[in-house]
Amino acid sequence: MKNKSKAQLFFSKEEQKRICDVVHNAELKTSGELVPMIVSESHSYPMAPVRGGALVALITSLLLTAPIGEMFWL
C-alpha cells in the first residue's frame, strides 16, 4: 500500500480540486508561484511557558506590592 500524504488524508478529492483551482486562479493574478503546504505544526515555541510564567510573576508581584509590600521594608 502506498503511503498517503497529509493532504490526501486530511482533504477529500473535491477539496483538493478546489484548492488547486483557487491556487491556479490566484497565480494568474501574480507573477509568483503559490505552493500550499500541509504541516503538522509551524513551530513548537519552546520559550512560551517561560515567558508566560515570567509575565504572570511580574503581574502578581505588581498587584501584591501595595497590600503586602510594607511588610518587607526594614
N, C-alpha and C. Protein backbone atom coordinates (compact mmCIF):
# COMPACT_ATOMS: atom_id res chain seq x y z
N MET A 1 0.84 -1.18 0.00
CA MET A 1 0.00 0.00 0.00
C MET A 1 0.88 1.24 0.00
N LYS A 2 0.55 2.17 -0.85
CA LYS A 2 1.32 3.41 -0.99
C LYS A 2 1.00 4.36 0.17
N ASN A 3 2.05 5.02 0.69
CA ASN A 3 1.83 5.98 1.77
C ASN A 3 1.10 7.20 1.24
N LYS A 4 0.08 7.61 1.97
CA LYS A 4 -0.67 8.80 1.57
C LYS A 4 -0.06 10.02 2.24
N SER A 5 -0.11 11.14 1.52
CA SER A 5 0.40 12.39 2.09
C SER A 5 -0.62 12.94 3.09
N LYS A 6 -0.18 13.91 3.87
CA LYS A 6 -1.09 14.53 4.84
C LYS A 6 -2.27 15.19 4.15
N ALA A 7 -2.02 15.78 2.99
CA ALA A 7 -3.11 16.42 2.25
C ALA A 7 -4.14 15.39 1.81
N GLN A 8 -3.69 14.21 1.38
CA GLN A 8 -4.61 13.17 0.95
C GLN A 8 -5.42 12.62 2.11
N LEU A 9 -4.83 12.59 3.29
CA LEU A 9 -5.54 12.10 4.46
C LEU A 9 -6.51 13.13 5.02
N PHE A 10 -6.16 14.41 4.90
CA PHE A 10 -6.94 15.47 5.54
C PHE A 10 -8.06 16.00 4.65
N PHE A 11 -7.78 16.15 3.34
CA PHE A 11 -8.76 16.73 2.43
C PHE A 11 -9.37 15.66 1.53
N SER A 12 -10.65 15.84 1.22
CA SER A 12 -11.30 14.95 0.27
C SER A 12 -10.83 15.31 -1.15
N LYS A 13 -11.16 14.47 -2.12
CA LYS A 13 -10.78 14.75 -3.52
C LYS A 13 -11.38 16.07 -4.00
N GLU A 14 -12.63 16.34 -3.63
CA GLU A 14 -13.28 17.59 -4.05
C GLU A 14 -12.57 18.80 -3.44
N GLU A 15 -12.19 18.67 -2.17
CA GLU A 15 -11.50 19.78 -1.50
C GLU A 15 -10.12 20.01 -2.12
N GLN A 16 -9.41 18.93 -2.45
CA GLN A 16 -8.11 19.06 -3.10
C GLN A 16 -8.25 19.76 -4.46
N LYS A 17 -9.27 19.39 -5.21
CA LYS A 17 -9.52 20.01 -6.52
C LYS A 17 -9.84 21.49 -6.34
N ARG A 18 -10.63 21.81 -5.34
CA ARG A 18 -11.00 23.21 -5.09
C ARG A 18 -9.76 24.03 -4.71
N ILE A 19 -8.89 23.47 -3.89
CA ILE A 19 -7.64 24.16 -3.51
C ILE A 19 -6.79 24.40 -4.76
N CYS A 20 -6.67 23.39 -5.61
CA CYS A 20 -5.88 23.54 -6.85
C CYS A 20 -6.46 24.64 -7.73
N ASP A 21 -7.79 24.68 -7.85
CA ASP A 21 -8.44 25.70 -8.67
C ASP A 21 -8.21 27.10 -8.11
N VAL A 22 -8.34 27.25 -6.79
CA VAL A 22 -8.14 28.55 -6.16
C VAL A 22 -6.70 29.01 -6.31
N VAL A 23 -5.75 28.10 -6.11
CA VAL A 23 -4.33 28.44 -6.27
C VAL A 23 -4.05 28.84 -7.72
N HIS A 24 -4.59 28.08 -8.66
CA HIS A 24 -4.37 28.40 -10.08
C HIS A 24 -4.92 29.78 -10.41
N ASN A 25 -6.13 30.10 -9.95
CA ASN A 25 -6.72 31.41 -10.21
C ASN A 25 -5.91 32.53 -9.57
N ALA A 26 -5.38 32.29 -8.38
CA ALA A 26 -4.56 33.30 -7.71
C ALA A 26 -3.24 33.49 -8.45
N GLU A 27 -2.67 32.41 -8.98
CA GLU A 27 -1.41 32.51 -9.71
C GLU A 27 -1.56 33.28 -11.02
N LEU A 28 -2.76 33.28 -11.59
CA LEU A 28 -3.00 34.05 -12.81
C LEU A 28 -2.90 35.55 -12.55
N LYS A 29 -3.09 35.97 -11.31
CA LYS A 29 -3.09 37.40 -10.95
C LYS A 29 -1.74 37.88 -10.44
N THR A 30 -0.74 37.01 -10.42
CA THR A 30 0.57 37.38 -9.90
C THR A 30 1.66 36.73 -10.76
N SER A 31 2.87 37.25 -10.62
CA SER A 31 3.99 36.65 -11.35
C SER A 31 4.65 35.55 -10.54
N GLY A 32 4.22 35.38 -9.30
CA GLY A 32 4.82 34.38 -8.42
C GLY A 32 4.11 33.04 -8.51
N GLU A 33 4.71 32.07 -7.83
CA GLU A 33 4.12 30.74 -7.74
C GLU A 33 3.66 30.51 -6.30
N LEU A 34 2.44 30.06 -6.12
CA LEU A 34 1.91 29.76 -4.79
C LEU A 34 2.02 28.26 -4.54
N VAL A 35 2.53 27.90 -3.38
CA VAL A 35 2.70 26.49 -3.03
C VAL A 35 2.06 26.24 -1.67
N PRO A 36 0.82 25.74 -1.64
CA PRO A 36 0.19 25.43 -0.35
C PRO A 36 0.88 24.22 0.29
N MET A 37 1.02 24.28 1.61
CA MET A 37 1.68 23.19 2.34
C MET A 37 0.81 22.74 3.51
N ILE A 38 0.81 21.45 3.78
CA ILE A 38 0.14 20.88 4.95
C ILE A 38 1.25 20.43 5.90
N VAL A 39 1.33 21.07 7.06
CA VAL A 39 2.37 20.73 8.04
C VAL A 39 1.72 20.41 9.38
N SER A 40 2.39 19.59 10.18
CA SER A 40 1.82 19.20 11.47
C SER A 40 1.86 20.36 12.47
N GLU A 41 2.91 21.17 12.43
CA GLU A 41 2.98 22.37 13.27
C GLU A 41 3.98 23.32 12.64
N SER A 42 3.78 24.62 12.86
CA SER A 42 4.68 25.58 12.26
C SER A 42 5.92 25.79 13.12
N HIS A 43 5.77 25.74 14.43
CA HIS A 43 6.89 25.92 15.35
C HIS A 43 6.41 25.46 16.73
N SER A 44 7.33 24.94 17.52
CA SER A 44 6.94 24.44 18.84
C SER A 44 6.96 25.53 19.92
N TYR A 45 7.58 26.68 19.65
CA TYR A 45 7.66 27.80 20.59
C TYR A 45 8.13 27.33 21.97
N PRO A 46 9.38 26.88 22.09
CA PRO A 46 9.87 26.30 23.35
C PRO A 46 9.95 27.30 24.50
N MET A 47 10.05 28.59 24.22
CA MET A 47 10.18 29.59 25.29
C MET A 47 8.82 30.12 25.77
N ALA A 48 7.73 29.71 25.16
CA ALA A 48 6.42 30.22 25.53
C ALA A 48 6.08 29.99 27.01
N PRO A 49 6.30 28.80 27.58
CA PRO A 49 5.99 28.62 29.01
C PRO A 49 6.85 29.51 29.92
N VAL A 50 8.11 29.71 29.56
CA VAL A 50 8.99 30.55 30.37
C VAL A 50 8.52 32.00 30.33
N ARG A 51 8.22 32.49 29.14
CA ARG A 51 7.75 33.87 29.00
C ARG A 51 6.39 34.06 29.67
N GLY A 52 5.51 33.08 29.55
CA GLY A 52 4.21 33.17 30.21
C GLY A 52 4.36 33.19 31.72
N GLY A 53 5.24 32.35 32.24
CA GLY A 53 5.49 32.33 33.69
C GLY A 53 6.08 33.63 34.18
N ALA A 54 7.00 34.21 33.41
CA ALA A 54 7.59 35.49 33.79
C ALA A 54 6.54 36.59 33.80
N LEU A 55 5.66 36.59 32.83
CA LEU A 55 4.60 37.59 32.78
C LEU A 55 3.64 37.46 33.96
N VAL A 56 3.26 36.23 34.30
CA VAL A 56 2.38 36.00 35.45
C VAL A 56 3.07 36.44 36.74
N ALA A 57 4.36 36.13 36.88
CA ALA A 57 5.11 36.53 38.08
C ALA A 57 5.19 38.05 38.19
N LEU A 58 5.43 38.73 37.09
CA LEU A 58 5.51 40.19 37.10
C LEU A 58 4.17 40.81 37.50
N ILE A 59 3.10 40.36 36.89
CA ILE A 59 1.77 40.91 37.21
C ILE A 59 1.41 40.63 38.66
N THR A 60 1.67 39.42 39.13
CA THR A 60 1.36 39.06 40.52
C THR A 60 2.16 39.91 41.49
N SER A 61 3.44 40.11 41.22
CA SER A 61 4.26 40.92 42.13
C SER A 61 3.80 42.37 42.15
N LEU A 62 3.39 42.90 41.01
CA LEU A 62 2.90 44.28 40.98
C LEU A 62 1.58 44.42 41.74
N LEU A 63 0.71 43.44 41.59
CA LEU A 63 -0.58 43.50 42.29
C LEU A 63 -0.42 43.33 43.80
N LEU A 64 0.56 42.55 44.24
CA LEU A 64 0.73 42.30 45.67
C LEU A 64 1.63 43.33 46.35
N THR A 65 2.27 44.20 45.59
CA THR A 65 3.18 45.19 46.19
C THR A 65 2.43 46.13 47.13
N ALA A 66 1.29 46.64 46.71
CA ALA A 66 0.55 47.59 47.54
C ALA A 66 0.04 46.96 48.84
N PRO A 67 -0.64 45.82 48.82
CA PRO A 67 -1.19 45.29 50.07
C PRO A 67 -0.14 44.71 51.03
N ILE A 68 0.91 44.08 50.52
CA ILE A 68 1.84 43.43 51.45
C ILE A 68 3.27 43.96 51.33
N GLY A 69 3.50 44.96 50.49
CA GLY A 69 4.84 45.48 50.28
C GLY A 69 5.47 46.09 51.52
N GLU A 70 4.66 46.72 52.37
CA GLU A 70 5.21 47.38 53.57
C GLU A 70 5.78 46.38 54.57
N MET A 71 5.38 45.12 54.48
CA MET A 71 5.90 44.10 55.40
C MET A 71 7.38 43.80 55.12
N PHE A 72 7.86 44.14 53.93
CA PHE A 72 9.23 43.79 53.55
C PHE A 72 10.22 44.93 53.72
N TRP A 73 9.76 46.12 54.16
CA TRP A 73 10.67 47.24 54.39
C TRP A 73 11.36 47.05 55.73
N LEU A 74 12.62 47.41 55.79
CA LEU A 74 13.39 47.27 57.03
C LEU A 74 13.18 48.45 57.94
